[in-house]
Amino acid sequence: MYKKDRKFPAQPTKNKFAILIPARNEEMVIGALLDSLNHLNYPKELYDVYVAANNCTDNTAAVALSYHAALIDISEKVSCKGDVLRSC
């Protein structure tokens, strides 16, 4: 019924990736998300964090910059997060 926890040997980290976060008026929660991403157990030089700010009327962009995330400003009006991702 219960499985034993399997131990895997440590592997070298070699994959570089980007994390893209579409955001619109997310000032209250974006800081906690970016703080969590900054504490990943993965080499910081192997991943980049981008926040795509979509017509924000609050300080989402400023909060993202304060957590050292790269900012992509979406100036055209789009209706959903899928459209934001397509416009990046």
Protein backbone atom coordinates (compact mmCIF):
# COMPACT_ATOMS: atom_id res chain seq x y z
CA MET A 1 0.00 0.00 0.00
CA TYR A 2 2.79 2.41 0.87
CA LYS A 3 5.80 2.95 -1.33
CA LYS A 4 9.26 3.39 0.04
CA ASP A 5 10.89 6.74 -0.57
CA ARG A 6 13.48 6.27 -3.28
CA LYS A 7 16.80 8.06 -3.05
CA PHE A 8 18.18 9.35 -6.32
CA PRO A 9 21.85 10.16 -6.74
CA ALA A 10 22.70 13.85 -7.05
CA GLN A 11 22.87 15.01 -10.65
CA PRO A 12 24.67 18.05 -11.98
CA THR A 13 22.33 20.93 -12.79
CA LYS A 14 22.83 21.98 -16.37
CA ASN A 15 19.50 23.17 -17.71
CA LYS A 16 18.92 26.89 -18.09
CA PHE A 17 15.32 28.07 -18.20
CA ALA A 18 13.13 31.15 -17.92
CA ILE A 19 10.11 31.71 -15.71
CA LEU A 20 7.55 34.02 -17.30
CA ILE A 21 4.84 35.44 -15.05
CA PRO A 22 1.95 37.31 -16.70
CA ALA A 23 0.59 39.80 -14.17
CA ARG A 24 -2.09 42.47 -14.05
CA ASN A 25 -2.60 44.34 -10.79
CA GLU A 26 -0.90 41.65 -8.72
CA GLU A 27 0.87 44.01 -6.31
CA MET A 28 -0.43 42.19 -3.23
CA VAL A 29 0.83 38.71 -4.21
CA ILE A 30 3.69 39.11 -6.68
CA GLY A 31 6.24 39.78 -3.93
CA ALA A 32 5.59 36.47 -2.18
CA LEU A 33 5.81 34.59 -5.49
CA LEU A 34 9.10 36.24 -6.47
CA ASP A 35 10.51 35.70 -2.98
CA SER A 36 9.70 32.01 -3.27
CA LEU A 37 11.36 31.83 -6.69
CA ASN A 38 14.46 33.56 -5.34
CA HIS A 39 14.80 30.79 -2.72
CA LEU A 40 14.76 27.88 -5.18
CA ASN A 41 17.31 25.16 -4.58
CA TYR A 42 18.76 25.71 -8.06
CA PRO A 43 21.73 27.82 -9.20
CA LYS A 44 20.53 31.38 -9.77
CA GLU A 45 22.67 31.77 -12.89
CA LEU A 46 20.69 28.98 -14.58
CA TYR A 47 17.25 30.59 -14.49
CA ASP A 48 15.78 34.00 -15.23
CA VAL A 49 12.51 35.42 -13.92
CA TYR A 50 10.43 37.73 -16.14
CA VAL A 51 7.25 39.52 -15.16
CA ALA A 52 5.00 40.61 -18.04
CA ALA A 53 3.06 43.54 -16.60
CA ASN A 54 -0.19 44.01 -18.52
CA ASN A 55 -1.66 47.52 -18.15
CA CYS A 56 -1.21 47.58 -14.38
CA THR A 57 -2.83 50.38 -12.42
CA ASP A 58 -1.02 49.48 -9.20
CA ASN A 59 2.65 48.99 -8.29
CA THR A 60 3.08 45.48 -9.71
CA ALA A 61 5.99 46.55 -11.91
CA ALA A 62 7.79 48.34 -9.06
CA VAL A 63 7.42 45.32 -6.77
CA ALA A 64 8.73 43.01 -9.50
CA LEU A 65 11.76 45.25 -10.04
CA SER A 66 12.44 45.38 -6.30
CA TYR A 67 12.77 41.56 -6.36
CA HIS A 68 15.22 41.79 -9.29
CA ALA A 69 12.86 40.29 -11.85
CA ALA A 70 13.18 41.40 -15.45
CA LEU A 71 10.16 43.45 -16.49
CA ILE A 72 8.34 43.10 -19.80
CA ASP A 73 5.90 45.98 -20.16
CA ILE A 74 2.84 45.06 -22.24
CA SER A 75 1.48 48.40 -23.36
CA GLU A 76 -1.20 47.10 -25.72
CA LYS A 77 -4.50 46.22 -24.09
CA VAL A 78 -4.99 42.47 -24.03
CA SER A 79 -7.84 40.63 -22.37
CA CYS A 80 -6.29 37.56 -20.78
CA LYS A 81 -3.01 36.06 -19.57
CA GLY A 82 -2.84 33.83 -22.65
CA ASP A 83 -2.80 36.94 -24.84
CA VAL A 84 -0.02 38.40 -22.68
CA LEU A 85 2.06 35.27 -23.20
CA ARG A 86 1.47 35.38 -26.97
CA SER A 87 2.55 39.03 -27.14
CA CYS A 88 5.86 38.34 -25.36
